[in-house]
Amino acid sequence: MAIDNVLIDINRKNDCVLNPVMNGLSDHDAQLITLKKISLKPSTKHFKVIRTLDENLLNDFLNKLSYEM
């Protein structure tokens, strides 16, 4: 189970350092990521997710929805 996820552009993996932090609060160590360069410019890439809906998918959704209070 993951509580937090950090996604980093693989082309910039050398711009950060990841170290464990033993905090004594749990049986899992914390992780500290240090970013060497931070760019606050908005991304020029645009992503669009398109989901194709058909009658079978709609019926499946309605069926699962019928089990909810």
PDB file of N, CA and C in Angstrom:
ATOM      1  N   MET A   1       0.841  -1.172   0.000  1.00  0.00           N
ATOM      2  CA  MET A   1       0.000   0.000   0.000  1.00  0.00           C
ATOM      3  C   MET A   1       0.889   1.238   0.000  1.00  0.00           C
ATOM      4  N   ALA A   2       0.568   2.191  -0.838  1.00  0.00           N
ATOM      5  CA  ALA A   2       1.326   3.432  -0.919  1.00  0.00           C
ATOM      6  C   ALA A   2       0.477   4.576  -0.391  1.00  0.00           C
ATOM      7  N   ILE A   3       1.034   5.369   0.509  1.00  0.00           N
ATOM      8  CA  ILE A   3       0.314   6.523   1.037  1.00  0.00           C
ATOM      9  C   ILE A   3       0.498   7.712   0.093  1.00  0.00           C
ATOM     10  N   ASP A   4       1.713   7.965  -0.291  1.00  0.00           N
ATOM     11  CA  ASP A   4       2.015   9.076  -1.192  1.00  0.00           C
ATOM     12  C   ASP A   4       2.843   8.557  -2.355  1.00  0.00           C
ATOM     13  N   ASN A   5       2.653   9.165  -3.497  1.00  0.00           N
ATOM     14  CA  ASN A   5       3.441   8.825  -4.670  1.00  0.00           C
ATOM     15  C   ASN A   5       4.094  10.096  -5.181  1.00  0.00           C
ATOM     16  N   VAL A   6       5.335   9.974  -5.612  1.00  0.00           N
ATOM     17  CA  VAL A   6       6.042  11.087  -6.223  1.00  0.00           C
ATOM     18  C   VAL A   6       6.465  10.620  -7.609  1.00  0.00           C
ATOM     19  N   LEU A   7       6.049  11.368  -8.613  1.00  0.00           N
ATOM     20  CA  LEU A   7       6.394  11.034  -9.991  1.00  0.00           C
ATOM     21  C   LEU A   7       7.426  12.036 -10.486  1.00  0.00           C
ATOM     22  N   ILE A   8       8.481  11.512 -11.065  1.00  0.00           N
ATOM     23  CA  ILE A   8       9.579  12.355 -11.534  1.00  0.00           C
ATOM     24  C   ILE A   8       9.872  12.001 -12.991  1.00  0.00           C
ATOM     25  N   ASP A   9      10.055  13.011 -13.803  1.00  0.00           N
ATOM     26  CA  ASP A   9      10.432  12.808 -15.200  1.00  0.00           C
ATOM     27  C   ASP A   9      11.756  12.043 -15.232  1.00  0.00           C
ATOM     28  N   ILE A  10      11.772  10.885 -15.866  1.00  0.00           N
ATOM     29  CA  ILE A  10      12.965  10.030 -15.873  1.00  0.00           C
ATOM     30  C   ILE A  10      14.169  10.729 -16.507  1.00  0.00           C
ATOM     31  N   ASN A  11      13.921  11.706 -17.371  1.00  0.00           N
ATOM     32  CA  ASN A  11      15.030  12.449 -17.979  1.00  0.00           C
ATOM     33  C   ASN A  11      15.692  13.397 -16.979  1.00  0.00           C
ATOM     34  N   ARG A  12      15.036  13.628 -15.827  1.00  0.00           N
ATOM     35  CA  ARG A  12      15.578  14.546 -14.829  1.00  0.00           C
ATOM     36  C   ARG A  12      15.940  13.836 -13.536  1.00  0.00           C
ATOM     37  N   LYS A  13      16.088  12.510 -13.588  1.00  0.00           N
ATOM     38  CA  LYS A  13      16.344  11.747 -12.368  1.00  0.00           C
ATOM     39  C   LYS A  13      17.656  12.119 -11.684  1.00  0.00           C
ATOM     40  N   ASN A  14      18.595  12.701 -12.402  1.00  0.00           N
ATOM     41  CA  ASN A  14      19.861  13.115 -11.789  1.00  0.00           C
ATOM     42  C   ASN A  14      19.751  14.470 -11.091  1.00  0.00           C
ATOM     43  N   ASP A  15      18.564  15.109 -11.192  1.00  0.00           N
ATOM     44  CA  ASP A  15      18.349  16.409 -10.557  1.00  0.00           C
ATOM     45  C   ASP A  15      17.769  16.274  -9.153  1.00  0.00           C
ATOM     46  N   CYS A  16      17.726  15.048  -8.623  1.00  0.00           N
ATOM     47  CA  CYS A  16      17.184  14.877  -7.279  1.00  0.00           C
ATOM     48  C   CYS A  16      17.955  13.795  -6.532  1.00  0.00           C
ATOM     49  N   VAL A  17      17.866  13.861  -5.215  1.00  0.00           N
ATOM     50  CA  VAL A  17      18.514  12.882  -4.352  1.00  0.00           C
ATOM     51  C   VAL A  17      17.442  12.354  -3.404  1.00  0.00           C
ATOM     52  N   LEU A  18      17.368  11.042  -3.251  1.00  0.00           N
ATOM     53  CA  LEU A  18      16.384  10.413  -2.379  1.00  0.00           C
ATOM     54  C   LEU A  18      17.108   9.698  -1.247  1.00  0.00           C
ATOM     55  N   ASN A  19      16.725  10.001  -0.016  1.00  0.00           N
ATOM     56  CA  ASN A  19      17.357   9.400   1.153  1.00  0.00           C
ATOM     57  C   ASN A  19      16.299   8.897   2.126  1.00  0.00           C
ATOM     58  N   PRO A  20      16.580   7.773   2.809  1.00  0.00           N
ATOM     59  CA  PRO A  20      15.651   7.321   3.855  1.00  0.00           C
ATOM     60  C   PRO A  20      15.809   8.179   5.103  1.00  0.00           C
ATOM     61  N   VAL A  21      14.704   8.349   5.838  1.00  0.00           N
ATOM     62  CA  VAL A  21      14.717   9.079   7.093  1.00  0.00           C
ATOM     63  C   VAL A  21      14.097   8.170   8.147  1.00  0.00           C
ATOM     64  N   MET A  22      14.885   7.758   9.122  1.00  0.00           N
ATOM     65  CA  MET A  22      14.384   6.888  10.184  1.00  0.00           C
ATOM     66  C   MET A  22      13.732   7.750  11.246  1.00  0.00           C
ATOM     67  N   ASN A  23      12.399   7.705  11.315  1.00  0.00           N
ATOM     68  CA  ASN A  23      11.684   8.584  12.234  1.00  0.00           C
ATOM     69  C   ASN A  23      11.226   7.879  13.506  1.00  0.00           C
ATOM     70  N   GLY A  24      11.332   6.569  13.598  1.00  0.00           N
ATOM     71  CA  GLY A  24      10.963   5.838  14.784  1.00  0.00           C
ATOM     72  C   GLY A  24       9.467   5.807  15.071  1.00  0.00           C
ATOM     73  N   LEU A  25       8.652   6.269  14.137  1.00  0.00           N
ATOM     74  CA  LEU A  25       7.207   6.291  14.343  1.00  0.00           C
ATOM     75  C   LEU A  25       6.514   5.049  13.811  1.00  0.00           C
ATOM     76  N   SER A  26       7.177   4.307  12.965  1.00  0.00           N
ATOM     77  CA  SER A  26       6.531   3.183  12.316  1.00  0.00           C
ATOM     78  C   SER A  26       7.582   2.158  11.939  1.00  0.00           C
ATOM     79  N   ASP A  27       7.127   1.047  11.390  1.00  0.00           N
ATOM     80  CA  ASP A  27       8.082   0.045  10.935  1.00  0.00           C
ATOM     81  C   ASP A  27       8.573   0.353   9.523  1.00  0.00           C
ATOM     82  N   HIS A  28       8.165   1.493   8.980  1.00  0.00           N
ATOM     83  CA  HIS A  28       8.619   1.932   7.656  1.00  0.00           C
ATOM     84  C   HIS A  28       9.369   3.246   7.797  1.00  0.00           C
ATOM     85  N   ASP A  29      10.423   3.399   7.038  1.00  0.00           N
ATOM     86  CA  ASP A  29      11.168   4.649   7.043  1.00  0.00           C
ATOM     87  C   ASP A  29      10.473   5.668   6.149  1.00  0.00           C
ATOM     88  N   ALA A  30      10.644   6.936   6.477  1.00  0.00           N
ATOM     89  CA  ALA A  30      10.168   8.015   5.617  1.00  0.00           C
ATOM     90  C   ALA A  30      11.181   8.194   4.489  1.00  0.00           C
ATOM     91  N   GLN A  31      10.801   8.914   3.470  1.00  0.00           N
ATOM     92  CA  GLN A  31      11.697   9.207   2.355  1.00  0.00           C
ATOM     93  C   GLN A  31      11.815  10.718   2.216  1.00  0.00           C
ATOM     94  N   LEU A  32      13.032  11.205   2.039  1.00  0.00           N
ATOM     95  CA  LEU A  32      13.280  12.626   1.829  1.00  0.00           C
ATOM     96  C   LEU A  32      13.827  12.800   0.421  1.00  0.00           C
ATOM     97  N   ILE A  33      13.140  13.601  -0.380  1.00  0.00           N
ATOM     98  CA  ILE A  33      13.623  13.879  -1.733  1.00  0.00           C
ATOM     99  C   ILE A  33      14.113  15.322  -1.767  1.00  0.00           C
ATOM    100  N   THR A  34      15.328  15.512  -2.243  1.00  0.00           N
ATOM    101  CA  THR A  34      15.915  16.838  -2.381  1.00  0.00           C
ATOM    102  C   THR A  34      16.026  17.136  -3.864  1.00  0.00           C
ATOM    103  N   LEU A  35      15.363  18.196  -4.293  1.00  0.00           N
ATOM    104  CA  LEU A  35      15.378  18.591  -5.701  1.00  0.00           C
ATOM    105  C   LEU A  35      16.481  19.619  -5.913  1.00  0.00           C
ATOM    106  N   LYS A  36      17.357  19.359  -6.875  1.00  0.00           N
ATOM    107  CA  LYS A  36      18.470  20.274  -7.135  1.00  0.00           C
ATOM    108  C   LYS A  36      18.026  21.479  -7.948  1.00  0.00           C
ATOM    109  N   LYS A  37      17.125  21.245  -8.898  1.00  0.00           N
ATOM    110  CA  LYS A  37      16.637  22.326  -9.752  1.00  0.00           C
ATOM    111  C   LYS A  37      15.118  22.265  -9.753  1.00  0.00           C
ATOM    112  N   ILE A  38      14.500  23.409  -9.530  1.00  0.00           N
ATOM    113  CA  ILE A  38      13.041  23.462  -9.542  1.00  0.00           C
ATOM    114  C   ILE A  38      12.616  24.457 -10.612  1.00  0.00           C
ATOM    115  N   SER A  39      11.787  23.996 -11.518  1.00  0.00           N
ATOM    116  CA  SER A  39      11.248  24.860 -12.558  1.00  0.00           C
ATOM    117  C   SER A  39       9.777  25.090 -12.260  1.00  0.00           C
ATOM    118  N   LEU A  40       9.397  26.332 -12.097  1.00  0.00           N
ATOM    119  CA  LEU A  40       8.012  26.655 -11.794  1.00  0.00           C
ATOM    120  C   LEU A  40       7.227  27.030 -13.046  1.00  0.00           C
ATOM    121  N   LYS A  41       7.829  26.824 -14.205  1.00  0.00           N
ATOM    122  CA  LYS A  41       7.129  27.114 -15.452  1.00  0.00           C
ATOM    123  C   LYS A  41       6.056  26.056 -15.687  1.00  0.00           C
ATOM    124  N   PRO A  42       4.889  26.462 -16.141  1.00  0.00           N
ATOM    125  CA  PRO A  42       3.853  25.464 -16.437  1.00  0.00           C
ATOM    126  C   PRO A  42       4.270  24.586 -17.614  1.00  0.00           C
ATOM    127  N   SER A  43       3.829  23.362 -17.566  1.00  0.00           N
ATOM    128  CA  SER A  43       4.158  22.426 -18.634  1.00  0.00           C
ATOM    129  C   SER A  43       3.490  22.849 -19.932  1.00  0.00           C
ATOM    130  N   THR A  44       4.192  22.659 -21.036  1.00  0.00           N
ATOM    131  CA  THR A  44       3.611  22.983 -22.343  1.00  0.00           C
ATOM    132  C   THR A  44       2.903  21.773 -22.937  1.00  0.00           C
ATOM    133  N   LYS A  45       3.039  20.634 -22.273  1.00  0.00           N
ATOM    134  CA  LYS A  45       2.387  19.432 -22.762  1.00  0.00           C
ATOM    135  C   LYS A  45       0.950  19.394 -22.251  1.00  0.00           C
ATOM    136  N   HIS A  46       0.044  18.974 -23.099  1.00  0.00           N
ATOM    137  CA  HIS A  46      -1.352  18.847 -22.730  1.00  0.00           C
ATOM    138  C   HIS A  46      -1.760  17.393 -22.915  1.00  0.00           C
ATOM    139  N   PHE A  47      -2.450  16.865 -21.923  1.00  0.00           N
ATOM    140  CA  PHE A  47      -2.885  15.489 -21.976  1.00  0.00           C
ATOM    141  C   PHE A  47      -4.404  15.452 -21.983  1.00  0.00           C
ATOM    142  N   LYS A  48      -4.939  14.520 -22.713  1.00  0.00           N
ATOM    143  CA  LYS A  48      -6.375  14.350 -22.769  1.00  0.00           C
ATOM    144  C   LYS A  48      -6.681  12.870 -22.606  1.00  0.00           C
ATOM    145  N   VAL A  49      -7.590  12.565 -21.700  1.00  0.00           N
ATOM    146  CA  VAL A  49      -8.019  11.183 -21.499  1.00  0.00           C
ATOM    147  C   VAL A  49      -9.399  11.051 -22.126  1.00  0.00           C
ATOM    148  N   ILE A  50      -9.516  10.101 -23.020  1.00  0.00           N
ATOM    149  CA  ILE A  50     -10.789   9.863 -23.688  1.00  0.00           C
ATOM    150  C   ILE A  50     -11.253   8.465 -23.324  1.00  0.00           C
ATOM    151  N   ARG A  51     -12.434   8.383 -22.787  1.00  0.00           N
ATOM    152  CA  ARG A  51     -13.002   7.095 -22.403  1.00  0.00           C
ATOM    153  C   ARG A  51     -14.166   6.794 -23.340  1.00  0.00           C
ATOM    154  N   THR A  52     -14.094   5.682 -24.022  1.00  0.00           N
ATOM    155  CA  THR A  52     -15.152   5.287 -24.931  1.00  0.00           C
ATOM    156  C   THR A  52     -16.280   4.640 -24.132  1.00  0.00           C
ATOM    157  N   LEU A  53     -17.477   5.194 -24.271  1.00  0.00           N
ATOM    158  CA  LEU A  53     -18.636   4.651 -23.576  1.00  0.00           C
ATOM    159  C   LEU A  53     -19.497   3.881 -24.566  1.00  0.00           C
ATOM    160  N   ASP A  54     -19.859   2.696 -24.182  1.00  0.00           N
ATOM    161  CA  ASP A  54     -20.783   1.928 -25.004  1.00  0.00           C
ATOM    162  C   ASP A  54     -21.889   1.381 -24.107  1.00  0.00           C
ATOM    163  N   GLU A  55     -22.854   0.702 -24.669  1.00  0.00           N
ATOM    164  CA  GLU A  55     -24.001   0.226 -23.903  1.00  0.00           C
ATOM    165  C   GLU A  55     -23.591  -0.776 -22.827  1.00  0.00           C
ATOM    166  N   ASN A  56     -22.634  -1.651 -23.119  1.00  0.00           N
ATOM    167  CA  ASN A  56     -22.183  -2.636 -22.130  1.00  0.00           C
ATOM    168  C   ASN A  56     -21.528  -1.959 -20.928  1.00  0.00           C
ATOM    169  N   LEU A  57     -20.701  -0.968 -21.169  1.00  0.00           N
ATOM    170  CA  LEU A  57     -20.035  -0.243 -20.088  1.00  0.00           C
ATOM    171  C   LEU A  57     -21.056   0.521 -19.248  1.00  0.00           C
ATOM    172  N   LEU A  58     -22.023   1.142 -19.904  1.00  0.00           N
ATOM    173  CA  LEU A  58     -23.063   1.874 -19.198  1.00  0.00           C
ATOM    174  C   LEU A  58     -23.901   0.928 -18.336  1.00  0.00           C
ATOM    175  N   ASN A  59     -24.275  -0.225 -18.871  1.00  0.00           N
ATOM    176  CA  ASN A  59     -25.049  -1.205 -18.106  1.00  0.00           C
ATOM    177  C   ASN A  59     -24.257  -1.731 -16.913  1.00  0.00           C
ATOM    178  N   ASP A  60     -22.964  -1.948 -17.085  1.00  0.00           N
ATOM    179  CA  ASP A  60     -22.105  -2.398 -15.982  1.00  0.00           C
ATOM    180  C   ASP A  60     -22.059  -1.336 -14.885  1.00  0.00           C
ATOM    181  N   PHE A  61     -21.919  -0.083 -15.286  1.00  0.00           N
ATOM    182  CA  PHE A  61     -21.907   1.016 -14.328  1.00  0.00           C
ATOM    183  C   PHE A  61     -23.226   1.086 -13.557  1.00  0.00           C
ATOM    184  N   LEU A  62     -24.344   1.016 -14.265  1.00  0.00           N
ATOM    185  CA  LEU A  62     -25.648   1.079 -13.613  1.00  0.00           C
ATOM    186  C   LEU A  62     -25.856  -0.099 -12.670  1.00  0.00           C
ATOM    187  N   ASN A  63     -25.378  -1.270 -13.046  1.00  0.00           N
ATOM    188  CA  ASN A  63     -25.491  -2.430 -12.192  1.00  0.00           C
ATOM    189  C   ASN A  63     -24.694  -2.222 -10.885  1.00  0.00           C
ATOM    190  N   LYS A  64     -23.467  -1.778 -11.002  1.00  0.00           N
ATOM    191  CA  LYS A  64     -22.641  -1.534  -9.813  1.00  0.00           C
ATOM    192  C   LYS A  64     -23.216  -0.396  -8.968  1.00  0.00           C
ATOM    193  N   LEU A  65     -23.780   0.601  -9.621  1.00  0.00           N
ATOM    194  CA  LEU A  65     -24.380   1.724  -8.902  1.00  0.00           C
ATOM    195  C   LEU A  65     -25.602   1.268  -8.101  1.00  0.00           C
ATOM    196  N   SER A  66     -26.307   0.275  -8.581  1.00  0.00           N
ATOM    197  CA  SER A  66     -27.516  -0.200  -7.901  1.00  0.00           C
ATOM    198  C   SER A  66     -27.184  -0.843  -6.542  1.00  0.00           C
ATOM    199  N   TYR A  67     -25.945  -1.259  -6.324  1.00  0.00           N
ATOM    200  CA  TYR A  67     -25.539  -1.846  -5.046  1.00  0.00           C
ATOM    201  C   TYR A  67     -25.188  -0.788  -4.003  1.00  0.00           C
ATOM    202  N   GLU A  68     -25.079   0.465  -4.414  1.00  0.00           N
ATOM    203  CA  GLU A  68     -24.723   1.542  -3.495  1.00  0.00           C
ATOM    204  C   GLU A  68     -25.959   2.095  -2.806  1.00  0.00           C
ATOM    205  N   MET A  69     -25.784   2.578  -1.577  1.00  0.00           N
ATOM    206  CA  MET A  69     -26.894   3.173  -0.812  1.00  0.00           C
ATOM    207  C   MET A  69     -27.203   4.563  -1.321  1.00  0.00           C
TER     208      MET A  69
END
